[in-house]
PDB file of N, CA and C in Angstrom:
ATOM      1  N   MET A   1    -105.365  78.847 -61.231  1.00  0.00           N
ATOM      2  CA  MET A   1    -106.472  78.118 -60.649  1.00  0.00           C
ATOM      3  C   MET A   1    -107.630  79.089 -60.448  1.00  0.00           C
ATOM      4  N   GLU A   2    -108.805  78.614 -60.695  1.00  0.00           N
ATOM      5  CA  GLU A   2    -109.998  79.439 -60.538  1.00  0.00           C
ATOM      6  C   GLU A   2    -110.262  79.716 -59.056  1.00  0.00           C
ATOM      7  N   PRO A   3    -110.872  80.847 -58.751  1.00  0.00           N
ATOM      8  CA  PRO A   3    -111.104  81.195 -57.342  1.00  0.00           C
ATOM      9  C   PRO A   3    -111.953  80.161 -56.600  1.00  0.00           C
ATOM     10  N   GLY A   4    -112.944  79.599 -57.271  1.00  0.00           N
ATOM     11  CA  GLY A   4    -113.794  78.599 -56.629  1.00  0.00           C
ATOM     12  C   GLY A   4    -113.018  77.352 -56.245  1.00  0.00           C
ATOM     13  N   LYS A   5    -112.183  76.887 -57.146  1.00  0.00           N
ATOM     14  CA  LYS A   5    -111.368  75.703 -56.869  1.00  0.00           C
ATOM     15  C   LYS A   5    -110.346  75.990 -55.777  1.00  0.00           C
ATOM     16  N   ALA A   6    -109.777  77.198 -55.794  1.00  0.00           N
ATOM     17  CA  ALA A   6    -108.810  77.565 -54.761  1.00  0.00           C
ATOM     18  C   ALA A   6    -109.472  77.572 -53.386  1.00  0.00           C
ATOM     19  N   LEU A   7    -110.698  78.095 -53.300  1.00  0.00           N
ATOM     20  CA  LEU A   7    -111.411  78.095 -52.020  1.00  0.00           C
ATOM     21  C   LEU A   7    -111.715  76.683 -51.535  1.00  0.00           C
ATOM     22  N   ILE A   8    -112.036  75.793 -52.456  1.00  0.00           N
ATOM     23  CA  ILE A   8    -112.286  74.397 -52.082  1.00  0.00           C
ATOM     24  C   ILE A   8    -111.013  73.758 -51.542  1.00  0.00           C
ATOM     25  N   VAL A   9    -109.877  73.995 -52.188  1.00  0.00           N
ATOM     26  CA  VAL A   9    -108.603  73.433 -51.736  1.00  0.00           C
ATOM     27  C   VAL A   9    -108.222  74.000 -50.370  1.00  0.00           C
ATOM     28  N   ILE A  10    -108.367  75.314 -50.204  1.00  0.00           N
ATOM     29  CA  ILE A  10    -108.018  75.943 -48.926  1.00  0.00           C
ATOM     30  C   ILE A  10    -108.935  75.438 -47.815  1.00  0.00           C
ATOM     31  N   GLY A  11    -110.226  75.333 -48.091  1.00  0.00           N
ATOM     32  CA  GLY A  11    -111.172  74.818 -47.096  1.00  0.00           C
ATOM     33  C   GLY A  11    -110.883  73.384 -46.718  1.00  0.00           C
ATOM     34  N   SER A  12    -110.536  72.564 -47.706  1.00  0.00           N
ATOM     35  CA  SER A  12    -110.189  71.168 -47.426  1.00  0.00           C
ATOM     36  C   SER A  12    -108.929  71.074 -46.576  1.00  0.00           C
ATOM     37  N   ALA A  13    -107.957  71.932 -46.844  1.00  0.00           N
ATOM     38  CA  ALA A  13    -106.723  71.941 -46.059  1.00  0.00           C
ATOM     39  C   ALA A  13    -107.007  72.345 -44.614  1.00  0.00           C
ATOM     40  N   ILE A  14    -107.850  73.353 -44.421  1.00  0.00           N
ATOM     41  CA  ILE A  14    -108.200  73.777 -43.066  1.00  0.00           C
ATOM     42  C   ILE A  14    -108.950  72.668 -42.338  1.00  0.00           C
ATOM     43  N   LEU A  15    -109.849  71.979 -43.023  1.00  0.00           N
ATOM     44  CA  LEU A  15    -110.571  70.855 -42.427  1.00  0.00           C
ATOM     45  C   LEU A  15    -109.607  69.747 -42.023  1.00  0.00           C
ATOM     46  N   LEU A  16    -108.662  69.417 -42.885  1.00  0.00           N
ATOM     47  CA  LEU A  16    -107.681  68.376 -42.591  1.00  0.00           C
ATOM     48  C   LEU A  16    -106.819  68.748 -41.388  1.00  0.00           C
ATOM     49  N   ILE A  17    -106.382  70.000 -41.329  1.00  0.00           N
ATOM     50  CA  ILE A  17    -105.574  70.460 -40.191  1.00  0.00           C
ATOM     51  C   ILE A  17    -106.390  70.376 -38.903  1.00  0.00           C
ATOM     52  N   GLY A  18    -107.649  70.777 -38.965  1.00  0.00           N
ATOM     53  CA  GLY A  18    -108.513  70.701 -37.786  1.00  0.00           C
ATOM     54  C   GLY A  18    -108.721  69.280 -37.312  1.00  0.00           C
ATOM     55  N   LEU A  19    -108.908  68.348 -38.241  1.00  0.00           N
ATOM     56  CA  LEU A  19    -109.072  66.942 -37.866  1.00  0.00           C
ATOM     57  C   LEU A  19    -107.807  66.379 -37.228  1.00  0.00           C
ATOM     58  N   VAL A  20    -106.651  66.723 -37.780  1.00  0.00           N
ATOM     59  CA  VAL A  20    -105.383  66.249 -37.215  1.00  0.00           C
ATOM     60  C   VAL A  20    -105.193  66.808 -35.811  1.00  0.00           C
ATOM     61  N   LEU A  21    -105.445  68.096 -35.628  1.00  0.00           N
ATOM     62  CA  LEU A  21    -105.267  68.701 -34.309  1.00  0.00           C
ATOM     63  C   LEU A  21    -106.239  68.128 -33.284  1.00  0.00           C
ATOM     64  N   ASN A  22    -107.426  67.751 -33.727  1.00  0.00           N
ATOM     65  CA  ASN A  22    -108.436  67.241 -32.805  1.00  0.00           C
ATOM     66  C   ASN A  22    -108.249  65.761 -32.485  1.00  0.00           C
ATOM     67  N   TYR A  23    -107.958  64.945 -33.479  1.00  0.00           N
ATOM     68  CA  TYR A  23    -107.924  63.497 -33.296  1.00  0.00           C
ATOM     69  C   TYR A  23    -106.534  62.883 -33.241  1.00  0.00           C
ATOM     70  N   ALA A  24    -105.513  63.594 -33.691  1.00  0.00           N
ATOM     71  CA  ALA A  24    -104.147  63.050 -33.678  1.00  0.00           C
ATOM     72  C   ALA A  24    -103.154  64.138 -33.290  1.00  0.00           C
ATOM     73  N   PRO A  25    -103.263  64.691 -32.081  1.00  0.00           N
ATOM     74  CA  PRO A  25    -102.380  65.803 -31.712  1.00  0.00           C
ATOM     75  C   PRO A  25    -100.914  65.405 -31.599  1.00  0.00           C
ATOM     76  N   TRP A  26    -100.619  64.120 -31.450  1.00  0.00           N
ATOM     77  CA  TRP A  26     -99.222  63.687 -31.356  1.00  0.00           C
ATOM     78  C   TRP A  26     -98.466  63.890 -32.666  1.00  0.00           C
ATOM     79  N   LEU A  27     -99.174  64.100 -33.759  1.00  0.00           N
ATOM     80  CA  LEU A  27     -98.507  64.342 -35.039  1.00  0.00           C
ATOM     81  C   LEU A  27     -97.874  65.728 -35.123  1.00  0.00           C
ATOM     82  N   VAL A  28     -98.303  66.651 -34.268  1.00  0.00           N
ATOM     83  CA  VAL A  28     -97.762  68.007 -34.300  1.00  0.00           C
ATOM     84  C   VAL A  28     -97.090  68.384 -32.986  1.00  0.00           C
ATOM     85  N   ASN A  29     -96.684  67.402 -32.185  1.00  0.00           N
ATOM     86  CA  ASN A  29     -95.994  67.682 -30.921  1.00  0.00           C
ATOM     87  C   ASN A  29     -94.619  68.301 -31.144  1.00  0.00           C
ATOM     88  N   TRP A  30     -94.033  68.134 -32.304  1.00  0.00           N
ATOM     89  CA  TRP A  30     -92.717  68.684 -32.597  1.00  0.00           C
ATOM     90  C   TRP A  30     -92.743  70.197 -32.688  1.00  0.00           C
ATOM     91  N   PHE A  31     -93.913  70.773 -33.002  1.00  0.00           N
ATOM     92  CA  PHE A  31     -93.990  72.208 -33.243  1.00  0.00           C
ATOM     93  C   PHE A  31     -93.670  72.980 -31.965  1.00  0.00           C
ATOM     94  N   GLY A  32     -92.683  73.843 -32.041  1.00  0.00           N
ATOM     95  CA  GLY A  32     -92.282  74.655 -30.903  1.00  0.00           C
ATOM     96  C   GLY A  32     -91.210  74.038 -30.034  1.00  0.00           C
ATOM     97  N   LYS A  33     -90.771  72.838 -30.392  1.00  0.00           N
ATOM     98  CA  LYS A  33     -89.756  72.157 -29.579  1.00  0.00           C
ATOM     99  C   LYS A  33     -88.490  71.863 -30.370  1.00  0.00           C
ATOM    100  N   LEU A  34     -88.338  72.497 -31.512  1.00  0.00           N
ATOM    101  CA  LEU A  34     -87.158  72.269 -32.335  1.00  0.00           C
ATOM    102  C   LEU A  34     -85.980  73.096 -31.828  1.00  0.00           C
ATOM    103  N   PRO A  35     -84.753  72.653 -32.111  1.00  0.00           N
ATOM    104  CA  PRO A  35     -83.599  73.493 -31.765  1.00  0.00           C
ATOM    105  C   PRO A  35     -83.674  74.804 -32.552  1.00  0.00           C
ATOM    106  N   GLY A  36     -83.490  75.898 -31.890  1.00  0.00           N
ATOM    107  CA  GLY A  36     -83.596  77.198 -32.530  1.00  0.00           C
ATOM    108  C   GLY A  36     -84.855  77.942 -32.141  1.00  0.00           C
ATOM    109  N   ASP A  37     -85.820  77.259 -31.539  1.00  0.00           N
ATOM    110  CA  ASP A  37     -86.997  77.923 -31.005  1.00  0.00           C
ATOM    111  C   ASP A  37     -86.624  78.526 -29.654  1.00  0.00           C
ATOM    112  N   ILE A  38     -86.965  79.777 -29.449  1.00  0.00           N
ATOM    113  CA  ILE A  38     -86.534  80.506 -28.255  1.00  0.00           C
ATOM    114  C   ILE A  38     -87.658  80.514 -27.218  1.00  0.00           C
ATOM    115  N   ARG A  39     -87.330  80.104 -25.995  1.00  0.00           N
ATOM    116  CA  ARG A  39     -88.261  80.148 -24.865  1.00  0.00           C
ATOM    117  C   ARG A  39     -87.572  80.865 -23.722  1.00  0.00           C
ATOM    118  N   ILE A  40     -88.187  81.934 -23.252  1.00  0.00           N
ATOM    119  CA  ILE A  40     -87.675  82.684 -22.107  1.00  0.00           C
ATOM    120  C   ILE A  40     -88.796  82.721 -21.079  1.00  0.00           C
ATOM    121  N   GLN A  41     -88.501  82.213 -19.871  1.00  0.00           N
ATOM    122  CA  GLN A  41     -89.537  82.141 -18.858  1.00  0.00           C
ATOM    123  C   GLN A  41     -89.025  82.696 -17.534  1.00  0.00           C
ATOM    124  N   ASN A  42     -89.804  83.591 -16.945  1.00  0.00           N
ATOM    125  CA  ASN A  42     -89.559  84.149 -15.627  1.00  0.00           C
ATOM    126  C   ASN A  42     -90.670  83.698 -14.692  1.00  0.00           C
ATOM    127  N   LYS A  43     -90.650  84.224 -13.477  1.00  0.00           N
ATOM    128  CA  LYS A  43     -91.752  83.934 -12.562  1.00  0.00           C
ATOM    129  C   LYS A  43     -93.063  84.514 -13.079  1.00  0.00           C
ATOM    130  N   SER A  44     -93.004  85.690 -13.668  1.00  0.00           N
ATOM    131  CA  SER A  44     -94.236  86.378 -14.049  1.00  0.00           C
ATOM    132  C   SER A  44     -94.447  86.525 -15.552  1.00  0.00           C
ATOM    133  N   SER A  45     -93.519  86.076 -16.376  1.00  0.00           N
ATOM    134  CA  SER A  45     -93.691  86.250 -17.821  1.00  0.00           C
ATOM    135  C   SER A  45     -93.135  85.058 -18.592  1.00  0.00           C
ATOM    136  N   PHE A  46     -93.604  84.950 -19.820  1.00  0.00           N
ATOM    137  CA  PHE A  46     -93.182  83.859 -20.697  1.00  0.00           C
ATOM    138  C   PHE A  46     -93.128  84.405 -22.121  1.00  0.00           C
ATOM    139  N   VAL A  47     -91.999  84.213 -22.798  1.00  0.00           N
ATOM    140  CA  VAL A  47     -91.834  84.643 -24.185  1.00  0.00           C
ATOM    141  C   VAL A  47     -91.445  83.419 -25.004  1.00  0.00           C
ATOM    142  N   PHE A  48     -92.161  83.222 -26.102  1.00  0.00           N
ATOM    143  CA  PHE A  48     -91.898  82.081 -26.976  1.00  0.00           C
ATOM    144  C   PHE A  48     -91.787  82.585 -28.399  1.00  0.00           C
ATOM    145  N   ILE A  49     -90.652  82.313 -29.059  1.00  0.00           N
ATOM    146  CA  ILE A  49     -90.412  82.730 -30.440  1.00  0.00           C
ATOM    147  C   ILE A  49     -90.028  81.484 -31.247  1.00  0.00           C
ATOM    148  N   PRO A  50     -90.979  80.916 -32.015  1.00  0.00           N
ATOM    149  CA  PRO A  50     -90.718  79.667 -32.741  1.00  0.00           C
ATOM    150  C   PRO A  50     -90.034  79.894 -34.090  1.00  0.00           C
ATOM    151  N   ILE A  51     -88.784  80.324 -34.075  1.00  0.00           N
ATOM    152  CA  ILE A  51     -88.074  80.663 -35.318  1.00  0.00           C
ATOM    153  C   ILE A  51     -87.911  79.439 -36.223  1.00  0.00           C
ATOM    154  N   THR A  52     -87.346  78.381 -35.711  1.00  0.00           N
ATOM    155  CA  THR A  52     -87.087  77.188 -36.520  1.00  0.00           C
ATOM    156  C   THR A  52     -88.387  76.532 -36.980  1.00  0.00           C
ATOM    157  N   SER A  53     -89.363  76.470 -36.102  1.00  0.00           N
ATOM    158  CA  SER A  53     -90.646  75.872 -36.471  1.00  0.00           C
ATOM    159  C   SER A  53     -91.307  76.649 -37.606  1.00  0.00           C
ATOM    160  N   MET A  54     -91.217  77.980 -37.572  1.00  0.00           N
ATOM    161  CA  MET A  54     -91.813  78.792 -38.628  1.00  0.00           C
ATOM    162  C   MET A  54     -91.064  78.629 -39.950  1.00  0.00           C
ATOM    163  N   ILE A  55     -89.758  78.405 -39.891  1.00  0.00           N
ATOM    164  CA  ILE A  55     -88.993  78.151 -41.121  1.00  0.00           C
ATOM    165  C   ILE A  55     -89.444  76.833 -41.745  1.00  0.00           C
ATOM    166  N   VAL A  56     -89.636  75.817 -40.915  1.00  0.00           N
ATOM    167  CA  VAL A  56     -90.103  74.520 -41.422  1.00  0.00           C
ATOM    168  C   VAL A  56     -91.493  74.657 -42.041  1.00  0.00           C
ATOM    169  N   VAL A  57     -92.400  75.356 -41.374  1.00  0.00           N
ATOM    170  CA  VAL A  57     -93.749  75.558 -41.901  1.00  0.00           C
ATOM    171  C   VAL A  57     -93.695  76.346 -43.212  1.00  0.00           C
ATOM    172  N   SER A  58     -92.851  77.347 -43.286  1.00  0.00           N
ATOM    173  CA  SER A  58     -92.715  78.148 -44.502  1.00  0.00           C
ATOM    174  C   SER A  58     -92.222  77.305 -45.677  1.00  0.00           C
ATOM    175  N   VAL A  59     -91.243  76.450 -45.425  1.00  0.00           N
ATOM    176  CA  VAL A  59     -90.727  75.575 -46.491  1.00  0.00           C
ATOM    177  C   VAL A  59     -91.815  74.609 -46.958  1.00  0.00           C
ATOM    178  N   LEU A  60     -92.568  74.036 -46.030  1.00  0.00           N
ATOM    179  CA  LEU A  60     -93.648  73.110 -46.403  1.00  0.00           C
ATOM    180  C   LEU A  60     -94.723  73.810 -47.220  1.00  0.00           C
ATOM    181  N   ILE A  61     -95.123  75.004 -46.813  1.00  0.00           N
ATOM    182  CA  ILE A  61     -96.142  75.746 -47.560  1.00  0.00           C
ATOM    183  C   ILE A  61     -95.630  76.124 -48.947  1.00  0.00           C
ATOM    184  N   THR A  62     -94.372  76.506 -49.052  1.00  0.00           N
ATOM    185  CA  THR A  62     -93.791  76.845 -50.345  1.00  0.00           C
ATOM    186  C   THR A  62     -93.774  75.641 -51.276  1.00  0.00           C
ATOM    187  N   LEU A  63     -93.374  74.487 -50.751  1.00  0.00           N
ATOM    188  CA  LEU A  63     -93.364  73.273 -51.576  1.00  0.00           C
ATOM    189  C   LEU A  63     -94.763  72.897 -52.043  1.00  0.00           C
ATOM    190  N   LEU A  64     -95.748  72.965 -51.152  1.00  0.00           N
ATOM    191  CA  LEU A  64     -97.119  72.631 -51.532  1.00  0.00           C
ATOM    192  C   LEU A  64     -97.672  73.635 -52.540  1.00  0.00           C
ATOM    193  N   ALA A  65     -97.397  74.902 -52.346  1.00  0.00           N
ATOM    194  CA  ALA A  65     -97.875  75.909 -53.290  1.00  0.00           C
ATOM    195  C   ALA A  65     -97.257  75.704 -54.671  1.00  0.00           C
ATOM    196  N   ASN A  66     -95.987  75.348 -54.724  1.00  0.00           N
ATOM    197  CA  ASN A  66     -95.345  75.096 -56.008  1.00  0.00           C
ATOM    198  C   ASN A  66     -95.909  73.846 -56.679  1.00  0.00           C
ATOM    199  N   LEU A  67     -96.306  72.867 -55.910  1.00  0.00           N
ATOM    200  CA  LEU A  67     -96.903  71.669 -56.482  1.00  0.00           C
ATOM    201  C   LEU A  67     -98.285  71.958 -57.089  1.00  0.00           C
ATOM    202  N   PHE A  68     -99.094  72.725 -56.361  1.00  0.00           N
ATOM    203  CA  PHE A  68    -100.473  72.939 -56.792  1.00  0.00           C
ATOM    204  C   PHE A  68    -100.637  74.090 -57.786  1.00  0.00           C
ATOM    205  N   PHE A  69     -99.829  75.121 -57.687  1.00  0.00           N
ATOM    206  CA  PHE A  69    -100.054  76.307 -58.495  1.00  0.00           C
ATOM    207  C   PHE A  69     -99.035  76.504 -59.599  1.00  0.00           C
ATOM    208  N   ARG A  70     -98.236  75.508 -59.904  1.00  0.00           N
ATOM    209  CA  ARG A  70     -97.251  75.600 -60.988  1.00  0.00           C
ATOM    210  C   ARG A  70     -97.959  75.479 -62.321  1.00  0.00           C
ATOM    211  N   LYS A  71     -97.582  76.322 -63.268  1.00  0.00           N
ATOM    212  CA  LYS A  71     -98.225  76.293 -64.592  1.00  0.00           C
ATOM    213  C   LYS A  71     -97.450  75.436 -65.555  1.00  0.00           C
TER     214      LYS A  71
END
């Protein structure tokens, strides 16, 4: 894919993500609440490690990249 077209696709994806986060936040409420995501909370500290959520995002990005950039 040409660099110009790739930038248009990436920009459109960022715009779409921004619109979803702004106008339909209930579509991404699952993020960070899946089994396997680690949350450790004390009185004075909070640690959040979204392992499962990042695996799901990685699989989705891989599938989309294979769809768009396959020769």
